[in-house]
Each structure stands twice: as structure tokens, then as C-alpha cells.
C-alpha atoms as a PDB file:
ATOM      1  CA  MET A   1     -89.670 126.103  -9.221  1.00  0.00           C
ATOM      2  CA  PRO A   2     -87.000 124.938 -11.712  1.00  0.00           C
ATOM      3  CA  ASP A   3     -89.140 126.318 -14.543  1.00  0.00           C
ATOM      4  CA  ILE A   4     -88.995 129.834 -13.034  1.00  0.00           C
ATOM      5  CA  LEU A   5     -85.235 129.581 -12.520  1.00  0.00           C
ATOM      6  CA  SER A   6     -84.708 128.549 -16.123  1.00  0.00           C
ATOM      7  CA  LYS A   7     -86.753 131.555 -17.283  1.00  0.00           C
ATOM      8  CA  ILE A   8     -84.673 133.895 -15.100  1.00  0.00           C
ATOM      9  CA  GLU A   9     -81.460 132.372 -16.477  1.00  0.00           C
ATOM     10  CA  GLY A  10     -82.882 132.755 -19.984  1.00  0.00           C
ATOM     11  CA  VAL A  11     -83.511 136.476 -19.385  1.00  0.00           C
ATOM     12  CA  LYS A  12     -79.986 136.913 -18.020  1.00  0.00           C
ATOM     13  CA  THR A  13     -78.589 135.099 -21.037  1.00  0.00           C
ATOM     14  CA  LEU A  14     -80.687 137.176 -23.411  1.00  0.00           C
ATOM     15  CA  ASN A  15     -79.550 140.412 -21.748  1.00  0.00           C
ATOM     16  CA  SER A  16     -75.962 139.201 -21.907  1.00  0.00           C
ATOM     17  CA  LEU A  17     -76.305 138.418 -25.613  1.00  0.00           C
ATOM     18  CA  LYS A  18     -77.878 141.817 -26.283  1.00  0.00           C
ATOM     19  CA  HIS A  19     -74.981 143.489 -24.461  1.00  0.00           C
ATOM     20  CA  LYS A  20     -72.403 141.486 -26.427  1.00  0.00           C
ATOM     21  CA  LEU A  21     -74.171 142.341 -29.673  1.00  0.00           C
ATOM     22  CA  LYS A  22     -74.130 146.046 -28.762  1.00  0.00           C
ATOM     23  CA  VAL A  23     -70.392 145.853 -28.005  1.00  0.00           C
ATOM     24  CA  ILE A  24     -69.705 144.146 -31.355  1.00  0.00           C
ATOM     25  CA  GLU A  25     -71.824 146.709 -33.253  1.00  0.00           C
ATOM     26  CA  ASP A  26     -69.947 149.573 -31.565  1.00  0.00           C
ATOM     27  CA  GLN A  27     -66.628 147.965 -32.414  1.00  0.00           C
ATOM     28  CA  ASN A  28     -67.671 147.505 -36.067  1.00  0.00           C
ATOM     29  CA  ARG A  29     -68.794 151.139 -36.247  1.00  0.00           C
ATOM     30  CA  ARG A  30     -65.413 152.328 -34.921  1.00  0.00           C
ATOM     31  CA  GLU A  31     -63.563 150.092 -37.387  1.00  0.00           C
ATOM     32  CA  ASP A  32     -65.660 151.447 -40.267  1.00  0.00           C
ATOM     33  CA  GLU A  33     -64.842 154.999 -39.164  1.00  0.00           C
ATOM     34  CA  ASP A  34     -61.125 154.163 -38.979  1.00  0.00           C
ATOM     35  CA  LEU A  35     -61.226 152.569 -42.416  1.00  0.00           C
ATOM     36  CA  ALA A  36     -63.036 155.587 -43.863  1.00  0.00           C
ATOM     37  CA  TRP A  37     -60.415 157.916 -42.357  1.00  0.00           C
ATOM     38  CA  ASN A  38     -57.505 155.791 -43.618  1.00  0.00           C
ATOM     39  CA  ASN A  39     -58.911 155.873 -47.159  1.00  0.00           C
ATOM     40  CA  SER A  40     -59.977 159.514 -47.118  1.00  0.00           C
ATOM     41  CA  PHE A  41     -58.528 162.131 -49.413  1.00  0.00           C
ATOM     42  CA  VAL A  42     -58.577 164.644 -46.548  1.00  0.00           C
ATOM     43  CA  LYS A  43     -56.070 162.549 -44.571  1.00  0.00           C
ATOM     44  CA  ASN A  44     -53.793 162.297 -47.601  1.00  0.00           C
ATOM     45  CA  LEU A  45     -54.101 166.021 -48.220  1.00  0.00           C
ATOM     46  CA  VAL A  46     -53.180 166.839 -44.615  1.00  0.00           C
ATOM     47  CA  ILE A  47     -50.114 164.587 -44.781  1.00  0.00           C
ATOM     48  CA  ALA A  48     -49.058 166.039 -48.141  1.00  0.00           C
ATOM     49  CA  SER A  49     -49.493 169.576 -46.766  1.00  0.00           C
ATOM     50  CA  LEU A  50     -47.327 168.755 -43.763  1.00  0.00           C
ATOM     51  CA  ILE A  51     -44.683 167.249 -46.049  1.00  0.00           C
ATOM     52  CA  TYR A  52     -44.735 170.391 -48.173  1.00  0.00           C
ATOM     53  CA  ILE A  53     -44.511 172.781 -45.204  1.00  0.00           C
ATOM     54  CA  PHE A  54     -41.677 170.844 -43.549  1.00  0.00           C
ATOM     55  CA  LEU A  55     -39.656 170.560 -46.753  1.00  0.00           C
ATOM     56  CA  TRP A  56     -40.277 174.148 -47.792  1.00  0.00           C
ATOM     57  CA  PHE A  57     -39.166 175.369 -44.360  1.00  0.00           C
ATOM     58  CA  SER A  58     -36.032 173.215 -44.268  1.00  0.00           C
ATOM     59  CA  LEU A  59     -35.082 174.055 -47.871  1.00  0.00           C
ATOM     60  CA  SER A  60     -35.660 177.754 -47.226  1.00  0.00           C
ATOM     61  CA  LEU A  61     -33.413 177.655 -44.166  1.00  0.00           C
ATOM     62  CA  ASN A  62     -30.649 176.218 -46.347  1.00  0.00           C
ATOM     63  CA  ARG A  63     -31.309 178.910 -48.994  1.00  0.00           C
ATOM     64  CA  PHE A  64     -32.182 176.352 -51.641  1.00  0.00           C
ATOM     65  CA  PRO A  65     -33.238 178.110 -54.879  1.00  0.00           C
ATOM     66  CA  HIS A  66     -36.966 177.789 -55.636  1.00  0.00           C
ATOM     67  CA  SER A  67     -37.595 175.939 -52.386  1.00  0.00           C
ATOM     68  CA  TRP A  68     -41.368 176.344 -52.788  1.00  0.00           C
ATOM     69  CA  LEU A  69     -41.229 174.378 -56.053  1.00  0.00           C
ATOM     70  CA  ALA A  70     -38.758 171.772 -54.810  1.00  0.00           C
ATOM     71  CA  ALA A  71     -40.960 171.070 -51.782  1.00  0.00           C
ATOM     72  CA  LEU A  72     -43.987 170.621 -54.012  1.00  0.00           C
ATOM     73  CA  VAL A  73     -42.541 167.586 -55.831  1.00  0.00           C
ATOM     74  CA  PRO A  74     -42.513 165.095 -52.894  1.00  0.00           C
ATOM     75  CA  ALA A  75     -45.895 166.333 -51.634  1.00  0.00           C
ATOM     76  CA  LEU A  76     -47.529 165.774 -55.017  1.00  0.00           C
ATOM     77  CA  GLY A  77     -45.690 162.477 -55.357  1.00  0.00           C
ATOM     78  CA  TYR A  78     -47.180 161.337 -52.051  1.00  0.00           C
ATOM     79  CA  LEU A  79     -50.702 162.194 -53.219  1.00  0.00           C
ATOM     80  CA  LEU A  80     -50.250 160.448 -56.551  1.00  0.00           C
ATOM     81  CA  ILE A  81     -48.751 157.307 -55.035  1.00  0.00           C
ATOM     82  CA  ASN A  82     -51.529 157.070 -52.455  1.00  0.00           C
ATOM     83  CA  ARG A  83     -54.262 157.402 -55.071  1.00  0.00           C
ATOM     84  CA  LEU A  84     -52.490 154.906 -57.323  1.00  0.00           C
ATOM     85  CA  LEU A  85     -52.079 152.398 -54.491  1.00  0.00           C
ATOM     86  CA  ASN A  86     -55.800 152.585 -53.700  1.00  0.00           C
ATOM     87  CA  PHE A  87     -56.536 151.837 -57.346  1.00  0.00           C
ATOM     88  CA  VAL A  88     -54.040 148.950 -57.400  1.00  0.00           C
ATOM     89  CA  GLN A  89     -55.521 147.564 -54.163  1.00  0.00           C
ATOM     90  CA  ARG A  90     -59.041 147.601 -55.592  1.00  0.00           C
ATOM     91  CA  PHE A  91     -57.821 146.021 -58.848  1.00  0.00           C
ATOM     92  CA  TRP A  92     -55.952 143.309 -56.949  1.00  0.00           C
ATOM     93  CA  TYR A  93     -58.964 142.581 -54.754  1.00  0.00           C
ATOM     94  CA  TRP A  94     -61.290 142.410 -57.737  1.00  0.00           C
ATOM     95  CA  ASN A  95     -58.963 140.001 -59.575  1.00  0.00           C
ATOM     96  CA  ASN A  96     -58.400 137.728 -56.567  1.00  0.00           C
ATOM     97  CA  TYR A  97     -61.719 137.665 -54.720  1.00  0.00           C
ATOM     98  CA  LYS A  98     -64.544 138.713 -57.041  1.00  0.00           C
ATOM     99  CA  LYS A  99     -64.378 135.757 -59.388  1.00  0.00           C
END
């Protein structure tokens, strides 16, 4: 009788481990998706577009001359800084952890 009980407990433990593994795999998949979104050019482009639209609108309301051009500078600066920071991050990681 104890042999049967140990087999039943083993099945329960195995099912529990499979469930925990599935939960961990789902969590890793979501984290990979979040990381991909945080590093995506599309996200940076959306943010830069919103910066441009907001600044253009506010500068136009104040009748700033060439507001379309003035609003372009911070938006492009945001894109350049983000791309540069990704490069610096990869360079730093390579120098500190790939040796």
C-alpha cells in the first residue's frame, strides 16, 4: 500500500513541477516581449513623434517662428540619444562581461 501512495504523490509532484515550469516559461516569454518592446525602434519613434507633436502644437500656440523646425530638434535628439545609449550599453556589457 505505501508503494502505491508514493507513486500517487510522485505523480502529484510531477504535475506540480510541470505546472511551475509552465508558469516560469510564460513569465520568461512575457519578459522577453517586454525587453524587445523596450529596445525597439518603433517605441522610440512613437515617443519622438509625440514629443514633436506636443512641442509643435505648444510652439504654434505661442506663435513661435518656424515652430515645425524648432519642435524637430528635441524629437531628433531623443532618437539619437536613445540609439547612442543602446550602443554604449552594449559596449559596456561587452567590456565588463564578455572577457
